[in-house]
Amino acid sequence: MFKTNVTIEWGDCDEAGIVFYPNYFYWFDCAFQRLLRAHGLSQREIRKRFGAVTPIVQAHSNFRAAARYDDVLDIEVTVRGESERRFRVDYHLVCGDKVIATGHEVRAWAKVGDDGSLKGAPVDPAFLSILGATAHVP
């Protein structure tokens, strides 16, 4: 499990000072990018080392409570194999003792061809291992 946090800024909120919901999906992606960097990876490094990219093919969130300006959201991130060609990134956001939101992304593993084309491929087990992810069990 990886942990990070974000402080809610005024620009993240609507007129009532409550977080505008699309920001959660942005924070999910930011948390995933921080997880990669914490393990010596980035999207560029994944492309260089594995010849692949990790596009999001599904995103979901359950909003449990309102988060407001100046709140600090603690974000827990876990990764696991979803299928042969996809992996899942789960998010758990809390503020103090209150669960604010949970969600997930399903990301595909796509190899990049010499011409820049993308083709789905099995997720590289070394990538999952670097992230401490549990593998998919068929």
Protein backbone atom coordinates (compact mmCIF):
# COMPACT_ATOMS: atom_id res chain seq x y z
CA MET A 1 0.00 0.00 0.00
CA PHE A 2 1.16 3.51 -0.84
CA LYS A 3 0.07 6.64 1.05
CA THR A 4 0.03 10.28 -0.02
CA ASN A 5 -2.15 13.31 0.68
CA VAL A 6 -3.60 16.42 -0.89
CA THR A 7 -4.71 19.69 0.67
CA ILE A 8 -7.93 20.99 -0.83
CA GLU A 9 -7.52 24.43 -2.35
CA TRP A 10 -10.28 26.98 -3.00
CA GLY A 11 -10.08 26.32 -6.74
CA ASP A 12 -10.95 22.66 -6.09
CA CYS A 13 -14.34 23.66 -4.69
CA ASP A 14 -17.72 24.88 -5.86
CA GLU A 15 -19.35 28.06 -4.53
CA ALA A 16 -20.36 26.27 -1.31
CA GLY A 17 -16.72 25.38 -0.62
CA ILE A 18 -17.30 21.67 -1.31
CA VAL A 19 -14.98 19.72 -3.62
CA PHE A 20 -16.19 19.61 -7.23
CA TYR A 21 -16.46 15.87 -7.92
CA PRO A 22 -14.21 15.58 -11.05
CA ASN A 23 -11.26 16.60 -8.87
CA TYR A 24 -11.38 13.20 -7.18
CA PHE A 25 -10.51 11.51 -10.49
CA TYR A 26 -7.64 13.95 -10.96
CA TRP A 27 -6.37 13.15 -7.45
CA PHE A 28 -6.66 9.41 -8.16
CA ASP A 29 -4.38 9.82 -11.16
CA CYS A 30 -1.98 12.08 -9.24
CA ALA A 31 -1.75 9.49 -6.46
CA PHE A 32 -0.97 6.77 -9.02
CA GLN A 33 1.75 8.91 -10.58
CA ARG A 34 3.24 9.52 -7.10
CA LEU A 35 3.16 5.76 -6.48
CA LEU A 36 5.09 5.20 -9.70
CA ARG A 37 7.68 7.82 -8.80
CA ALA A 38 8.10 6.34 -5.31
CA HIS A 39 9.18 3.12 -7.08
CA GLY A 40 11.54 4.79 -9.55
CA LEU A 41 9.01 4.81 -12.38
CA SER A 42 7.04 7.37 -14.36
CA GLN A 43 4.92 7.12 -17.48
CA ARG A 44 8.02 7.93 -19.54
CA GLU A 45 10.07 5.31 -17.69
CA ILE A 46 7.36 2.65 -18.21
CA ARG A 47 7.45 3.39 -21.93
CA LYS A 48 11.27 3.30 -21.98
CA ARG A 49 11.75 0.21 -19.78
CA PHE A 50 8.71 -1.87 -20.77
CA GLY A 51 7.73 -0.38 -24.15
CA ALA A 52 4.22 0.14 -22.81
CA VAL A 53 1.70 2.69 -21.59
CA THR A 54 -1.11 2.32 -19.02
CA PRO A 55 -4.30 3.96 -20.33
CA ILE A 56 -7.33 4.14 -18.04
CA VAL A 57 -10.19 2.03 -19.40
CA GLN A 58 -12.51 2.37 -16.41
CA ALA A 59 -12.84 4.81 -13.50
CA HIS A 60 -15.31 4.72 -10.64
CA SER A 61 -15.84 6.52 -7.36
CA ASN A 62 -18.19 6.34 -4.40
CA PHE A 63 -18.55 9.71 -2.69
CA ARG A 64 -19.23 9.12 1.00
CA ALA A 65 -18.91 12.55 2.60
CA ALA A 66 -18.22 16.11 1.58
CA ALA A 67 -14.68 17.40 1.60
CA ARG A 68 -14.10 21.13 1.92
CA TYR A 69 -11.57 23.87 1.40
CA ASP A 70 -8.45 23.40 3.59
CA ASP A 71 -9.22 19.74 4.38
CA VAL A 72 -6.27 17.37 4.02
CA LEU A 73 -7.21 14.15 2.29
CA ASP A 74 -5.07 11.12 3.06
CA ILE A 75 -5.03 8.78 0.07
CA GLU A 76 -4.20 5.08 0.24
CA VAL A 77 -3.39 3.35 -3.04
CA THR A 78 -3.18 -0.37 -3.75
CA VAL A 79 -2.55 -2.15 -7.05
CA ARG A 80 -3.53 -5.66 -8.10
CA GLY A 81 -3.83 -7.65 -11.27
CA GLU A 82 -7.34 -7.47 -12.75
CA SER A 83 -6.91 -9.74 -15.77
CA GLU A 84 -4.09 -10.82 -18.05
CA ARG A 85 -4.04 -7.43 -19.83
CA ARG A 86 -5.32 -5.10 -17.12
CA PHE A 87 -4.54 -4.06 -13.58
CA ARG A 88 -6.65 -2.27 -11.00
CA VAL A 89 -5.68 0.67 -8.81
CA ASP A 90 -7.83 1.12 -5.69
CA TYR A 91 -8.10 4.41 -3.78
CA HIS A 92 -9.31 5.14 -0.25
CA LEU A 93 -9.56 8.84 0.73
CA VAL A 94 -10.04 9.91 4.34
CA CYS A 95 -10.03 13.17 6.24
CA GLY A 96 -9.33 12.50 9.89
CA ASP A 97 -11.56 9.57 10.81
CA LYS A 98 -14.08 10.20 8.04
CA VAL A 99 -14.09 8.24 4.78
CA ILE A 100 -14.58 10.83 2.06
CA ALA A 101 -14.43 8.64 -1.05
CA THR A 102 -13.36 5.29 -2.40
CA GLY A 103 -12.72 4.49 -6.01
CA HIS A 104 -10.72 2.64 -8.57
CA GLU A 105 -9.22 2.79 -12.02
CA VAL A 106 -8.74 -0.16 -14.31
CA ARG A 107 -5.70 0.39 -16.51
CA ALA A 108 -4.79 -1.54 -19.61
CA TRP A 109 -1.28 -2.60 -20.53
CA ALA A 110 -0.63 -1.47 -24.10
CA LYS A 111 2.62 -2.07 -25.96
CA VAL A 112 3.80 0.80 -28.14
CA GLY A 113 4.71 -0.16 -31.70
CA ASP A 114 7.55 1.38 -33.69
CA ASP A 115 4.94 3.47 -35.51
CA GLY A 116 3.43 4.68 -32.23
CA SER A 117 0.44 2.36 -32.45
CA LEU A 118 -0.88 0.70 -29.30
CA LYS A 119 -1.71 -2.97 -28.89
CA GLY A 120 -3.04 -4.65 -25.78
CA ALA A 121 -0.62 -7.11 -24.19
CA PRO A 122 -0.26 -9.07 -20.96
CA VAL A 123 0.77 -6.88 -18.03
CA ASP A 124 4.48 -7.35 -17.41
CA PRO A 125 4.86 -9.27 -14.12
CA ALA A 126 8.03 -7.26 -13.36
CA PHE A 127 5.94 -4.07 -13.41
CA LEU A 128 3.42 -5.50 -10.95
CA SER A 129 6.25 -6.78 -8.77
CA ILE A 130 7.91 -3.35 -8.63
CA LEU A 131 4.64 -1.91 -7.32
CA GLY A 132 4.16 -4.72 -4.83
CA ALA A 133 0.94 -5.65 -6.60
CA THR A 134 -0.84 -8.91 -6.23
CA ALA A 135 -1.08 -10.76 -9.52
CA HIS A 136 -4.35 -11.71 -11.17
CA VAL A 137 -5.38 -15.26 -10.44
CA PRO A 138 -7.62 -16.65 -13.21
